[in-house]
N, C-alpha and C. Protein backbone atom coordinates (compact mmCIF):
# COMPACT_ATOMS: atom_id res chain seq x y z
N MET A 1 153.70 -67.98 -45.04
CA MET A 1 153.99 -69.13 -45.40
C MET A 1 153.65 -68.52 -46.84
N LYS A 2 153.97 -67.74 -47.59
CA LYS A 2 153.06 -67.54 -49.46
C LYS A 2 153.45 -68.71 -50.42
N ILE A 3 152.52 -69.34 -50.49
CA ILE A 3 152.80 -70.62 -51.65
C ILE A 3 152.09 -70.18 -52.79
N ILE A 4 152.84 -70.61 -54.33
CA ILE A 4 152.14 -71.39 -56.10
C ILE A 4 152.36 -72.27 -56.00
N MET A 5 151.70 -72.59 -56.15
CA MET A 5 151.82 -74.32 -56.98
C MET A 5 151.97 -74.22 -58.44
N LEU A 6 152.69 -75.01 -59.04
CA LEU A 6 153.17 -75.08 -60.45
C LEU A 6 152.87 -76.20 -61.38
N GLY A 7 152.99 -76.51 -61.97
CA GLY A 7 153.32 -77.71 -63.26
C GLY A 7 151.72 -77.26 -63.59
N ALA A 8 151.94 -78.68 -65.26
CA ALA A 8 151.23 -78.65 -66.33
C ALA A 8 149.65 -78.91 -65.33
N PRO A 9 148.57 -78.70 -66.51
CA PRO A 9 147.25 -79.69 -66.16
C PRO A 9 147.52 -81.05 -65.73
N GLY A 10 147.12 -81.75 -65.14
CA GLY A 10 146.94 -83.64 -64.30
C GLY A 10 147.90 -83.67 -63.66
N ALA A 11 148.78 -82.60 -63.34
CA ALA A 11 149.89 -83.25 -63.11
C ALA A 11 149.97 -83.45 -61.02
N GLY A 12 148.99 -82.66 -61.27
CA GLY A 12 148.54 -82.88 -58.94
C GLY A 12 148.90 -82.02 -58.50
N LYS A 13 148.30 -80.91 -58.83
CA LYS A 13 149.50 -79.69 -58.01
C LYS A 13 148.34 -79.51 -57.39
N GLY A 14 146.64 -79.31 -58.48
CA GLY A 14 145.57 -79.13 -56.75
C GLY A 14 145.48 -79.85 -55.90
N THR A 15 146.03 -81.88 -56.19
CA THR A 15 145.55 -82.53 -54.51
C THR A 15 146.32 -81.76 -54.08
N GLN A 16 147.88 -81.77 -54.09
CA GLN A 16 148.73 -81.16 -52.86
C GLN A 16 148.64 -79.98 -52.34
N ALA A 17 147.73 -78.44 -52.77
CA ALA A 17 148.00 -77.79 -52.53
C ALA A 17 146.31 -77.47 -51.30
N LYS A 18 146.04 -78.80 -52.00
CA LYS A 18 144.97 -79.65 -50.18
C LYS A 18 145.47 -79.11 -49.25
N GLN A 19 146.14 -80.81 -50.26
CA GLN A 19 147.31 -81.04 -48.42
C GLN A 19 147.65 -79.93 -47.41
N ILE A 20 148.18 -79.14 -48.74
CA ILE A 20 149.21 -78.35 -48.09
C ILE A 20 148.21 -77.37 -47.09
N ALA A 21 147.85 -76.58 -47.94
CA ALA A 21 146.51 -75.67 -46.84
C ALA A 21 145.92 -76.19 -45.65
N SER A 22 145.60 -77.98 -45.62
CA SER A 22 145.28 -78.56 -43.98
C SER A 22 146.34 -78.90 -43.39
N LYS A 23 147.20 -78.92 -43.76
CA LYS A 23 148.04 -79.62 -42.66
C LYS A 23 148.62 -78.58 -42.01
N TYR A 24 148.91 -77.04 -43.25
CA TYR A 24 149.24 -75.57 -42.41
C TYR A 24 147.97 -74.71 -42.47
N SER A 25 147.23 -75.40 -41.65
CA SER A 25 145.67 -74.14 -41.43
C SER A 25 146.00 -73.53 -42.63
N ILE A 26 146.31 -73.23 -43.74
CA ILE A 26 146.17 -71.92 -44.59
C ILE A 26 145.30 -71.94 -45.41
N PRO A 27 144.73 -71.34 -46.24
CA PRO A 27 143.74 -70.85 -47.66
C PRO A 27 144.27 -71.97 -48.65
N HIS A 28 143.55 -72.46 -49.33
CA HIS A 28 143.45 -72.93 -50.80
C HIS A 28 143.08 -71.91 -51.72
N ILE A 29 143.75 -71.18 -52.74
CA ILE A 29 143.45 -70.28 -53.12
C ILE A 29 143.28 -70.67 -54.35
N SER A 30 141.87 -70.64 -55.12
CA SER A 30 141.72 -71.26 -56.50
C SER A 30 141.65 -69.82 -57.40
N THR A 31 141.61 -69.56 -58.07
CA THR A 31 140.97 -68.28 -59.17
C THR A 31 139.02 -68.68 -59.62
N GLY A 32 139.19 -69.70 -60.51
CA GLY A 32 137.81 -70.20 -59.96
C GLY A 32 136.83 -69.98 -59.45
N ASP A 33 137.14 -70.31 -57.37
CA ASP A 33 136.68 -69.80 -56.60
C ASP A 33 136.50 -69.02 -55.98
N ILE A 34 136.88 -67.98 -56.64
CA ILE A 34 137.50 -66.40 -56.31
C ILE A 34 136.01 -66.15 -57.46
N PHE A 35 136.20 -65.65 -58.76
CA PHE A 35 135.59 -65.81 -58.64
C PHE A 35 134.23 -66.23 -58.91
N ARG A 36 134.16 -67.66 -57.96
CA ARG A 36 132.29 -68.22 -57.99
C ARG A 36 132.13 -67.24 -56.64
N ALA A 37 132.86 -66.85 -55.67
CA ALA A 37 132.39 -66.22 -54.82
C ALA A 37 132.16 -64.61 -54.90
N ASN A 38 133.16 -63.77 -55.60
CA ASN A 38 132.76 -62.34 -55.82
C ASN A 38 131.54 -62.25 -56.79
N ILE A 39 131.75 -63.64 -57.92
CA ILE A 39 129.68 -63.12 -58.73
C ILE A 39 128.99 -63.84 -57.74
N LYS A 40 128.28 -64.83 -57.81
CA LYS A 40 127.70 -65.03 -55.94
C LYS A 40 127.32 -63.87 -55.19
N ASN A 41 128.44 -63.34 -54.45
CA ASN A 41 127.74 -62.57 -53.04
C ASN A 41 127.97 -60.55 -53.59
N GLY A 42 127.88 -60.65 -55.81
CA GLY A 42 127.64 -59.34 -55.92
C GLY A 42 129.15 -58.08 -55.73
N THR A 43 129.97 -58.50 -55.63
CA THR A 43 130.52 -57.52 -55.43
C THR A 43 131.72 -56.73 -56.39
N GLU A 44 132.16 -55.56 -56.97
CA GLU A 44 132.04 -54.61 -57.61
C GLU A 44 133.37 -55.46 -58.99
N LEU A 45 133.91 -56.35 -57.77
CA LEU A 45 135.24 -56.89 -58.55
C LEU A 45 134.72 -58.20 -59.54
N GLY A 46 133.31 -58.73 -58.36
CA GLY A 46 132.66 -59.96 -59.16
C GLY A 46 131.54 -59.47 -60.65
N LYS A 47 131.55 -57.91 -60.11
CA LYS A 47 130.42 -58.05 -61.62
C LYS A 47 131.18 -57.66 -62.39
N LYS A 48 132.53 -56.57 -63.02
CA LYS A 48 133.11 -56.50 -63.70
C LYS A 48 134.15 -57.72 -63.87
N ALA A 49 134.17 -59.15 -63.44
CA ALA A 49 134.21 -60.26 -64.61
C ALA A 49 133.18 -60.48 -64.78
N LYS A 50 132.38 -60.88 -63.77
CA LYS A 50 131.16 -61.63 -64.88
C LYS A 50 130.36 -60.93 -66.51
N SER A 51 130.95 -59.77 -66.26
CA SER A 51 131.31 -58.73 -67.17
C SER A 51 131.80 -59.60 -68.80
N TYR A 52 132.77 -60.11 -68.44
CA TYR A 52 133.17 -60.36 -69.54
C TYR A 52 133.19 -62.24 -69.48
N MET A 53 133.32 -62.30 -68.55
CA MET A 53 132.69 -64.02 -68.30
C MET A 53 131.49 -64.71 -69.20
N ASP A 54 130.34 -63.38 -68.91
CA ASP A 54 128.99 -63.56 -70.42
C ASP A 54 129.04 -63.25 -71.34
N GLN A 55 130.27 -62.53 -71.47
CA GLN A 55 130.83 -62.60 -73.02
C GLN A 55 131.11 -63.39 -73.65
N GLY A 56 131.67 -64.84 -72.82
CA GLY A 56 132.71 -65.38 -73.59
C GLY A 56 134.27 -64.73 -73.41
N LEU A 57 134.85 -63.96 -72.45
CA LEU A 57 135.62 -63.52 -73.31
C LEU A 57 136.69 -64.32 -71.40
N LEU A 58 138.27 -63.86 -71.92
CA LEU A 58 138.77 -64.07 -70.69
C LEU A 58 138.62 -62.76 -69.71
N VAL A 59 139.08 -62.96 -68.61
CA VAL A 59 139.14 -61.69 -67.62
C VAL A 59 140.70 -61.04 -67.88
N PRO A 60 140.31 -59.84 -67.79
CA PRO A 60 141.97 -59.14 -67.95
C PRO A 60 143.18 -59.32 -66.45
N ASP A 61 144.39 -59.56 -66.85
CA ASP A 61 144.90 -60.24 -65.93
C ASP A 61 144.89 -58.94 -64.71
N GLU A 62 144.35 -57.85 -64.75
CA GLU A 62 144.50 -56.77 -64.11
C GLU A 62 143.92 -56.92 -63.65
N LEU A 63 142.34 -57.49 -63.70
CA LEU A 63 141.18 -57.44 -62.76
C LEU A 63 141.48 -58.89 -62.00
N THR A 64 141.63 -59.92 -63.07
CA THR A 64 141.74 -61.87 -61.62
C THR A 64 143.07 -61.05 -61.29
N CYS A 65 143.95 -59.95 -61.12
CA CYS A 65 145.35 -59.74 -59.82
C CYS A 65 144.24 -59.48 -58.32
N ASP A 66 143.39 -58.34 -59.12
CA ASP A 66 143.17 -57.74 -58.00
C ASP A 66 141.99 -58.41 -57.39
N LEU A 67 141.32 -59.34 -58.13
CA LEU A 67 140.00 -60.49 -57.09
C LEU A 67 141.23 -61.21 -55.91
N VAL A 68 142.64 -61.70 -56.98
CA VAL A 68 143.32 -62.55 -55.57
C VAL A 68 144.12 -61.67 -54.13
N VAL A 69 144.57 -60.62 -54.75
CA VAL A 69 145.20 -59.55 -53.65
C VAL A 69 143.93 -59.14 -53.38
N ASP A 70 142.33 -58.84 -53.75
CA ASP A 70 141.21 -59.09 -52.49
C ASP A 70 140.72 -59.84 -51.51
N ARG A 71 142.11 -61.14 -52.20
CA ARG A 71 141.43 -63.08 -51.54
C ARG A 71 142.54 -63.15 -50.23
N ILE A 72 143.66 -62.62 -51.51
CA ILE A 72 144.85 -62.79 -49.87
C ILE A 72 145.42 -61.79 -48.49
N SER A 73 144.04 -60.55 -48.53
CA SER A 73 143.62 -59.81 -48.02
C SER A 73 143.12 -60.26 -46.90
N GLN A 74 142.35 -61.14 -46.71
CA GLN A 74 141.54 -61.00 -46.04
C GLN A 74 142.26 -61.76 -44.35
N ASP A 75 141.36 -61.77 -43.98
CA ASP A 75 142.02 -62.61 -42.15
C ASP A 75 142.67 -64.49 -42.74
N ASP A 76 141.56 -64.76 -42.63
CA ASP A 76 142.92 -65.83 -43.25
C ASP A 76 144.01 -65.80 -43.83
N ALA A 77 144.13 -65.19 -44.30
CA ALA A 77 144.95 -65.82 -45.12
C ALA A 77 146.44 -65.27 -44.32
N ALA A 78 146.08 -64.40 -43.37
CA ALA A 78 147.58 -63.57 -42.45
C ALA A 78 149.14 -64.44 -42.49
N ALA A 79 148.59 -65.59 -42.45
CA ALA A 79 149.06 -66.09 -41.71
C ALA A 79 149.95 -67.40 -43.56
N GLY A 80 149.70 -66.80 -43.92
CA GLY A 80 150.01 -67.52 -45.28
C GLY A 80 148.45 -68.36 -46.35
N TYR A 81 149.09 -69.06 -47.66
CA TYR A 81 148.22 -69.62 -48.85
C TYR A 81 149.09 -69.85 -49.44
N VAL A 82 148.57 -70.72 -50.56
CA VAL A 82 148.26 -71.83 -51.54
C VAL A 82 147.37 -71.26 -52.38
N LEU A 83 148.22 -70.79 -53.64
CA LEU A 83 148.04 -70.04 -54.81
C LEU A 83 147.85 -71.22 -55.80
N ASP A 84 146.79 -71.63 -56.83
CA ASP A 84 146.56 -73.14 -57.34
C ASP A 84 145.97 -72.13 -58.61
N GLY A 85 147.11 -72.41 -59.31
CA GLY A 85 145.59 -71.44 -61.01
C GLY A 85 146.59 -70.49 -61.18
N PHE A 86 146.80 -69.58 -60.51
CA PHE A 86 147.41 -68.32 -60.86
C PHE A 86 149.06 -68.24 -60.50
N PRO A 87 149.06 -67.68 -60.87
CA PRO A 87 149.79 -66.76 -62.42
C PRO A 87 149.63 -67.53 -62.51
N ARG A 88 149.48 -67.71 -64.19
CA ARG A 88 149.13 -68.60 -65.60
C ARG A 88 149.61 -68.07 -66.52
N THR A 89 150.37 -66.56 -66.48
CA THR A 89 151.24 -66.28 -67.53
C THR A 89 152.57 -65.63 -67.25
N ILE A 90 153.10 -65.16 -67.83
CA ILE A 90 154.30 -63.88 -67.05
C ILE A 90 153.53 -63.00 -66.49
N PRO A 91 152.24 -62.01 -67.58
CA PRO A 91 152.31 -60.40 -66.85
C PRO A 91 151.26 -60.91 -65.96
N GLN A 92 150.84 -62.40 -65.37
CA GLN A 92 149.96 -62.50 -64.82
C GLN A 92 151.60 -62.06 -63.05
N ALA A 93 152.32 -62.65 -63.89
CA ALA A 93 153.28 -62.87 -62.43
C ALA A 93 153.84 -62.17 -61.91
N GLU A 94 154.15 -61.02 -63.81
CA GLU A 94 154.98 -59.91 -62.90
C GLU A 94 153.47 -58.44 -62.10
N ALA A 95 152.03 -58.77 -62.49
CA ALA A 95 151.16 -58.33 -61.73
C ALA A 95 151.31 -58.73 -60.62
N LEU A 96 151.41 -59.81 -60.00
CA LEU A 96 151.22 -60.68 -57.90
C LEU A 96 152.88 -60.25 -57.67
N THR A 97 153.75 -59.83 -58.40
CA THR A 97 155.12 -59.43 -57.94
C THR A 97 155.32 -57.89 -57.45
N GLU A 98 154.32 -57.68 -58.19
CA GLU A 98 154.25 -55.29 -58.07
C GLU A 98 153.31 -55.47 -56.76
N ALA A 99 152.06 -56.09 -57.58
CA ALA A 99 150.71 -55.92 -56.32
C ALA A 99 151.86 -56.57 -54.85
N LEU A 100 152.15 -56.96 -54.45
CA LEU A 100 153.18 -57.80 -53.60
C LEU A 100 154.32 -56.91 -52.80
N ASN A 101 154.95 -56.79 -54.06
CA ASN A 101 155.97 -55.64 -53.19
C ASN A 101 155.33 -54.18 -52.74
N LYS A 102 154.30 -53.41 -52.69
CA LYS A 102 153.19 -52.39 -52.49
C LYS A 102 152.67 -52.95 -51.42
N ARG A 103 152.79 -53.98 -50.41
CA ARG A 103 152.18 -55.09 -49.12
C ARG A 103 153.96 -55.41 -48.23
N GLY A 104 154.71 -55.47 -49.12
CA GLY A 104 156.19 -54.90 -48.88
C GLY A 104 156.08 -57.26 -48.25
N GLU A 105 155.52 -57.53 -49.17
CA GLU A 105 155.38 -59.25 -49.53
C GLU A 105 155.75 -59.55 -50.58
N LYS A 106 156.53 -60.91 -50.83
CA LYS A 106 157.25 -61.55 -51.79
C LYS A 106 156.51 -62.90 -51.60
N ILE A 107 156.63 -64.00 -52.45
CA ILE A 107 156.14 -65.30 -52.81
C ILE A 107 157.13 -65.70 -51.92
N ASP A 108 156.89 -67.30 -51.34
CA ASP A 108 158.32 -67.71 -50.71
C ASP A 108 158.74 -68.96 -50.82
N TYR A 109 157.51 -70.15 -51.95
CA TYR A 109 157.98 -70.86 -52.31
C TYR A 109 157.32 -71.12 -53.91
N ALA A 110 157.28 -71.22 -54.83
CA ALA A 110 157.11 -71.46 -56.20
C ALA A 110 157.01 -73.20 -56.86
N ILE A 111 155.98 -73.75 -56.26
CA ILE A 111 156.61 -75.35 -56.59
C ILE A 111 155.99 -75.83 -57.29
N ASN A 112 157.45 -76.88 -58.13
CA ASN A 112 157.09 -77.10 -59.68
C ASN A 112 156.45 -78.75 -59.41
N VAL A 113 155.59 -78.82 -59.68
CA VAL A 113 155.49 -80.07 -59.52
C VAL A 113 155.23 -80.97 -60.84
N GLU A 114 156.58 -81.74 -61.41
CA GLU A 114 157.08 -82.01 -62.43
C GLU A 114 156.62 -83.22 -63.51
N VAL A 115 155.59 -83.02 -64.15
CA VAL A 115 155.85 -84.36 -64.44
C VAL A 115 155.56 -84.69 -66.59
N PRO A 116 156.42 -85.55 -67.02
CA PRO A 116 155.69 -85.50 -68.13
C PRO A 116 154.92 -85.70 -68.89
N ASP A 117 154.78 -84.66 -70.36
CA ASP A 117 153.08 -84.45 -70.60
C ASP A 117 153.10 -86.40 -71.54
N GLU A 118 153.92 -87.22 -71.71
CA GLU A 118 153.42 -88.48 -71.60
C GLU A 118 152.47 -89.56 -70.31
N ASN A 119 153.44 -88.93 -69.19
CA ASN A 119 152.66 -89.52 -67.71
C ASN A 119 151.63 -88.68 -67.98
N ILE A 120 151.40 -87.36 -68.28
CA ILE A 120 149.74 -86.80 -68.60
C ILE A 120 148.76 -87.44 -69.40
N VAL A 121 149.43 -88.20 -70.32
CA VAL A 121 148.08 -87.98 -71.33
C VAL A 121 148.05 -89.37 -71.36
N ASN A 122 148.69 -90.24 -70.48
CA ASN A 122 147.87 -91.87 -69.82
C ASN A 122 146.94 -91.82 -68.65
N ARG A 123 147.44 -90.90 -68.21
CA ARG A 123 146.87 -90.61 -66.63
C ARG A 123 145.82 -89.78 -66.97
N MET A 124 145.35 -89.08 -67.84
CA MET A 124 144.07 -88.12 -67.40
C MET A 124 143.40 -88.96 -68.86
N SER A 125 143.71 -89.52 -69.63
CA SER A 125 143.03 -90.28 -70.34
C SER A 125 142.58 -92.04 -69.39
N GLY A 126 143.07 -91.79 -68.54
CA GLY A 126 142.51 -93.20 -67.65
C GLY A 126 141.10 -93.08 -66.94
N ARG A 127 141.36 -91.37 -66.89
CA ARG A 127 140.02 -90.98 -66.18
C ARG A 127 138.64 -91.72 -66.91
N ARG A 128 137.98 -91.56 -65.46
CA ARG A 128 136.27 -92.22 -66.19
C ARG A 128 135.54 -91.10 -65.20
N ALA A 129 134.05 -91.02 -65.58
CA ALA A 129 133.31 -90.59 -65.36
C ALA A 129 131.87 -90.62 -65.24
N CYS A 130 131.13 -90.88 -64.04
CA CYS A 130 130.20 -91.32 -63.94
C CYS A 130 129.44 -90.09 -64.51
N LEU A 131 128.08 -90.88 -64.71
CA LEU A 131 127.22 -89.94 -65.09
C LEU A 131 125.58 -89.59 -64.74
N GLY A 132 126.03 -90.60 -64.55
CA GLY A 132 124.74 -90.00 -63.13
C GLY A 132 125.27 -89.15 -61.73
N CYS A 133 126.45 -89.86 -60.27
CA CYS A 133 126.47 -89.01 -59.79
C CYS A 133 128.45 -88.03 -59.85
N GLY A 134 128.33 -88.58 -60.98
CA GLY A 134 129.51 -87.24 -60.54
C GLY A 134 130.98 -88.80 -60.60
N ALA A 135 130.63 -89.18 -59.07
CA ALA A 135 132.28 -89.92 -58.76
C ALA A 135 133.23 -89.62 -60.44
N THR A 136 134.36 -90.51 -59.21
CA THR A 136 135.48 -90.22 -61.15
C THR A 136 136.14 -91.51 -60.17
N TYR A 137 136.81 -91.98 -61.77
CA TYR A 137 137.46 -93.41 -61.63
C TYR A 137 138.77 -93.09 -61.93
N HIS A 138 139.38 -94.26 -62.44
CA HIS A 138 140.40 -94.40 -62.82
C HIS A 138 140.24 -96.23 -63.86
N VAL A 139 141.39 -96.20 -65.01
CA VAL A 139 140.95 -97.44 -65.27
C VAL A 139 142.40 -98.27 -64.66
N VAL A 140 143.12 -97.35 -64.07
CA VAL A 140 144.37 -98.08 -63.93
C VAL A 140 144.70 -98.12 -62.22
N PHE A 141 144.47 -97.15 -62.06
CA PHE A 141 144.85 -96.33 -60.35
C PHE A 141 143.48 -96.29 -59.41
N ASN A 142 142.50 -96.28 -60.11
CA ASN A 142 140.97 -96.80 -59.34
C ASN A 142 139.50 -96.84 -59.97
N ALA A 143 139.51 -98.43 -61.03
CA ALA A 143 138.95 -98.83 -61.12
C ALA A 143 137.77 -99.54 -60.53
N PRO A 144 136.34 -99.27 -61.34
CA PRO A 144 135.30 -99.44 -60.46
C PRO A 144 135.15 -101.12 -59.85
N LYS A 145 134.88 -101.84 -59.80
CA LYS A 145 134.41 -102.90 -59.43
C LYS A 145 134.50 -103.83 -60.66
N LYS A 146 132.63 -103.16 -61.61
CA LYS A 146 132.22 -103.23 -62.27
C LYS A 146 133.17 -102.36 -63.90
N GLU A 147 133.96 -103.14 -64.52
CA GLU A 147 134.39 -101.94 -65.74
C GLU A 147 132.63 -101.04 -66.54
N GLY A 148 133.43 -100.41 -66.40
CA GLY A 148 132.32 -99.13 -67.85
C GLY A 148 130.83 -98.57 -65.91
N ILE A 149 130.50 -99.10 -64.86
CA ILE A 149 130.09 -99.15 -64.35
C ILE A 149 130.48 -98.95 -62.72
N CYS A 150 129.22 -97.69 -62.28
CA CYS A 150 129.81 -96.85 -60.94
C CYS A 150 129.38 -97.53 -60.19
N ASP A 151 130.39 -97.96 -59.00
CA ASP A 151 129.76 -98.65 -57.83
C ASP A 151 129.31 -97.81 -56.29
N SER A 152 128.93 -97.19 -56.57
CA SER A 152 127.88 -96.15 -56.03
C SER A 152 126.64 -95.79 -56.56
N CYS A 153 126.42 -95.63 -57.86
CA CYS A 153 125.30 -95.57 -58.27
C CYS A 153 124.54 -96.21 -59.56
N GLY A 154 125.44 -97.30 -59.93
CA GLY A 154 125.35 -98.05 -60.57
C GLY A 154 124.95 -96.93 -62.65
N GLY A 155 125.29 -95.71 -62.35
CA GLY A 155 125.54 -95.36 -63.90
C GLY A 155 126.83 -96.06 -64.73
N GLU A 156 126.53 -94.90 -66.19
CA GLU A 156 127.62 -95.72 -66.93
C GLU A 156 128.76 -94.23 -66.38
N LEU A 157 130.21 -94.91 -66.90
CA LEU A 157 131.04 -93.54 -66.70
C LEU A 157 132.00 -93.95 -67.58
N VAL A 158 131.87 -92.42 -67.83
CA VAL A 158 132.55 -92.10 -69.91
C VAL A 158 133.91 -91.05 -69.66
N LEU A 159 134.50 -91.52 -70.96
CA LEU A 159 135.80 -91.05 -71.06
C LEU A 159 135.27 -89.24 -71.26
N ARG A 160 135.40 -88.14 -69.94
CA ARG A 160 134.96 -87.34 -71.10
C ARG A 160 135.71 -86.53 -71.94
N ASP A 161 135.02 -85.30 -72.29
CA ASP A 161 136.10 -84.64 -73.31
C ASP A 161 136.91 -84.59 -73.02
N ASP A 162 137.77 -83.32 -71.63
CA ASP A 162 138.30 -82.73 -71.00
C ASP A 162 139.46 -83.70 -71.62
N ASP A 163 138.76 -84.99 -71.33
CA ASP A 163 140.13 -85.69 -70.75
C ASP A 163 140.82 -87.29 -72.07
N LYS A 164 139.70 -86.51 -72.80
CA LYS A 164 140.41 -87.50 -74.63
C LYS A 164 142.06 -86.93 -74.67
N PRO A 165 143.04 -87.80 -75.04
CA PRO A 165 144.31 -87.73 -74.93
C PRO A 165 144.83 -86.09 -76.20
N GLU A 166 143.52 -86.40 -76.86
CA GLU A 166 144.15 -84.91 -78.08
C GLU A 166 144.10 -83.51 -77.26
N THR A 167 142.80 -83.45 -76.58
CA THR A 167 142.04 -82.33 -75.55
C THR A 167 143.36 -82.35 -74.91
N VAL A 168 144.17 -83.55 -74.45
CA VAL A 168 145.07 -83.23 -73.09
C VAL A 168 146.27 -82.10 -73.74
N GLN A 169 146.54 -83.31 -74.95
CA GLN A 169 147.93 -82.44 -75.62
C GLN A 169 147.35 -81.21 -76.20
N LYS A 170 146.10 -80.72 -76.24
CA LYS A 170 146.31 -79.29 -76.47
C LYS A 170 146.58 -78.66 -75.60
N ARG A 171 145.55 -78.99 -74.10
CA ARG A 171 145.96 -78.03 -73.10
C ARG A 171 147.54 -77.56 -72.86
N LEU A 172 148.34 -79.18 -72.81
CA LEU A 172 149.55 -78.96 -72.87
C LEU A 172 150.44 -78.82 -73.51
N ASN A 173 150.83 -78.18 -74.38
CA ASN A 173 150.83 -76.94 -75.85
C ASN A 173 150.21 -75.74 -75.15
N VAL A 174 149.71 -75.09 -74.87
CA VAL A 174 148.72 -73.72 -74.01
C VAL A 174 149.97 -73.73 -72.66
N TYR A 175 149.55 -74.90 -71.65
CA TYR A 175 150.74 -74.74 -70.89
C TYR A 175 152.48 -74.64 -71.09
N HIS A 176 153.39 -75.27 -72.45
CA HIS A 176 154.28 -74.65 -72.23
C HIS A 176 154.38 -73.70 -72.77
N GLU A 177 153.19 -73.56 -73.49
CA GLU A 177 153.33 -71.98 -74.11
C GLU A 177 153.64 -70.78 -73.62
N GLN A 178 152.24 -70.71 -72.62
CA GLN A 178 152.29 -69.65 -71.30
C GLN A 178 152.31 -69.54 -70.07
N THR A 179 152.68 -71.10 -69.81
CA THR A 179 152.70 -70.48 -67.98
C THR A 179 154.04 -71.58 -68.11
N GLN A 180 154.72 -72.44 -68.65
CA GLN A 180 156.00 -72.86 -68.21
C GLN A 180 157.46 -71.88 -67.96
N PRO A 181 157.24 -70.82 -68.87
CA PRO A 181 157.77 -69.05 -68.82
C PRO A 181 158.07 -69.25 -66.79
N LEU A 182 157.07 -69.43 -66.10
CA LEU A 182 157.08 -69.62 -65.36
C LEU A 182 157.72 -70.17 -64.38
N ILE A 183 158.27 -70.85 -64.27
CA ILE A 183 159.55 -71.80 -64.14
C ILE A 183 160.80 -71.64 -63.84
N GLU A 184 161.21 -70.61 -64.92
CA GLU A 184 162.69 -69.71 -64.92
C GLU A 184 162.27 -68.30 -64.54
N TYR A 185 160.50 -67.69 -64.58
CA TYR A 185 160.50 -66.80 -63.47
C TYR A 185 160.63 -66.50 -61.86
N TYR A 186 160.76 -67.81 -61.31
CA TYR A 186 160.15 -67.81 -60.03
C TYR A 186 161.64 -68.70 -59.88
N GLY A 187 162.09 -68.75 -60.55
CA GLY A 187 164.12 -69.34 -60.44
C GLY A 187 164.78 -68.21 -60.20
N LYS A 188 164.71 -66.64 -61.15
CA LYS A 188 165.02 -66.72 -61.01
C LYS A 188 165.14 -65.13 -59.47
N ALA A 189 163.80 -65.23 -59.19
CA ALA A 189 163.32 -64.96 -57.99
C ALA A 189 163.85 -65.70 -56.70
N ASP A 190 164.85 -66.50 -57.03
CA ASP A 190 164.83 -67.70 -56.06
C ASP A 190 163.27 -68.43 -55.50
N ALA A 191 162.60 -68.56 -55.85
CA ALA A 191 160.98 -68.77 -54.43
C ALA A 191 161.44 -70.92 -55.37
N LEU A 192 161.72 -71.11 -56.69
CA LEU A 192 161.32 -71.82 -56.79
C LEU A 192 161.87 -73.41 -56.45
N ALA A 193 161.39 -74.35 -55.98
CA ALA A 193 161.46 -75.70 -55.57
C ALA A 193 160.78 -76.43 -56.74
N GLU A 194 161.38 -77.79 -56.64
CA GLU A 194 161.11 -78.57 -57.56
C GLU A 194 160.76 -79.79 -57.16
N VAL A 195 159.67 -80.71 -57.42
CA VAL A 195 159.45 -82.31 -56.86
C VAL A 195 158.71 -83.21 -58.22
N ASP A 196 159.45 -85.01 -58.21
CA ASP A 196 158.78 -85.70 -59.05
C ASP A 196 157.76 -85.66 -59.06
N GLY A 197 156.77 -85.49 -60.44
CA GLY A 197 155.07 -85.48 -59.17
C GLY A 197 154.30 -87.22 -59.93
N THR A 198 156.13 -87.90 -59.95
CA THR A 198 155.61 -89.16 -61.05
C THR A 198 155.46 -90.20 -60.08
N GLN A 199 155.37 -89.55 -59.34
CA GLN A 199 155.39 -90.42 -57.69
C GLN A 199 153.76 -90.93 -57.11
N ASP A 200 154.19 -92.12 -56.19
CA ASP A 200 152.73 -91.91 -54.84
C ASP A 200 152.35 -90.51 -54.64
N ILE A 201 151.17 -90.32 -54.57
CA ILE A 201 150.41 -88.23 -54.07
C ILE A 201 150.90 -88.96 -53.36
N ASP A 202 151.43 -89.52 -51.71
CA ASP A 202 151.94 -89.65 -49.93
C ASP A 202 153.96 -88.95 -50.55
N VAL A 203 154.21 -89.85 -51.39
CA VAL A 203 155.52 -89.34 -51.51
C VAL A 203 155.59 -88.09 -52.39
N VAL A 204 155.22 -87.58 -53.35
CA VAL A 204 154.64 -86.18 -53.00
C VAL A 204 154.78 -85.01 -52.60
N PHE A 205 153.43 -85.42 -51.63
CA PHE A 205 153.62 -84.87 -49.94
C PHE A 205 154.90 -84.25 -49.39
N SER A 206 154.73 -85.56 -49.28
CA SER A 206 155.96 -85.30 -47.99
C SER A 206 157.53 -84.89 -49.00
N ASP A 207 157.74 -85.21 -50.41
CA ASP A 207 158.52 -84.10 -50.86
C ASP A 207 158.85 -83.11 -50.59
N ILE A 208 156.99 -82.79 -50.15
CA ILE A 208 156.70 -81.03 -50.48
C ILE A 208 157.05 -80.58 -48.72
N ILE A 209 156.76 -81.17 -47.75
CA ILE A 209 156.66 -80.78 -47.07
C ILE A 209 158.09 -80.69 -46.34
N LYS A 210 158.64 -81.45 -47.35
CA LYS A 210 160.92 -81.57 -46.84
C LYS A 210 161.07 -80.10 -47.26
N ILE A 211 160.34 -80.03 -48.14
CA ILE A 211 160.99 -78.26 -48.74
C ILE A 211 160.34 -77.38 -47.67
N LEU A 212 159.46 -77.65 -47.83
CA LEU A 212 158.80 -76.52 -46.48
C LEU A 212 159.06 -76.76 -44.94
N GLY A 213 159.32 -77.48 -44.48
CA GLY A 213 160.30 -77.74 -43.15
C GLY A 213 158.48 -78.14 -42.38
N GLU A 214 158.94 -78.89 -41.53
CA GLU A 214 157.33 -78.91 -40.90
C GLU A 214 157.08 -77.85 -40.18
């Protein structure tokens, strides 16, 4: 079962990807994790990726795809995998399709977690992070016992720059421009499935399981 998670930043696709991976005993694969593992292990691909990252440059699509294909070739991915954060653009999707075709494989499901922009801005701007231990809260959904204070360590809770409304909107604009076209791409490939991401996390997961089958 080869799955790609689609959805805007803050839609909750990472949370769902982890639950899918756990239920079906397949690896949850994010490009960030792949980069870190290859750089840490000093692989050839890792060295190439690091040379770009050290210059503050984006890792080229072809190299990113090579890293992903290398990861899905490992034994633990024999029964399938959940890709989270890749592909992000049409060229990346095309490179992945081509690489999978060479292996006689294809993506089975591209699951789009659909959440309107307004919900995402509200959701992310309500997040608070502890400066002390890194614990995260939400002013509505997971509020600390005392406002502005971490339950775990008593540290100060702050709104991170990444979660400020103007930053979130910029990220959403980039998503609509670069990543949203993947919805149409995987629709044409007859792999697209959509779920309503505004629902409770457990309900969203239940809807995904209905798509994938028990």
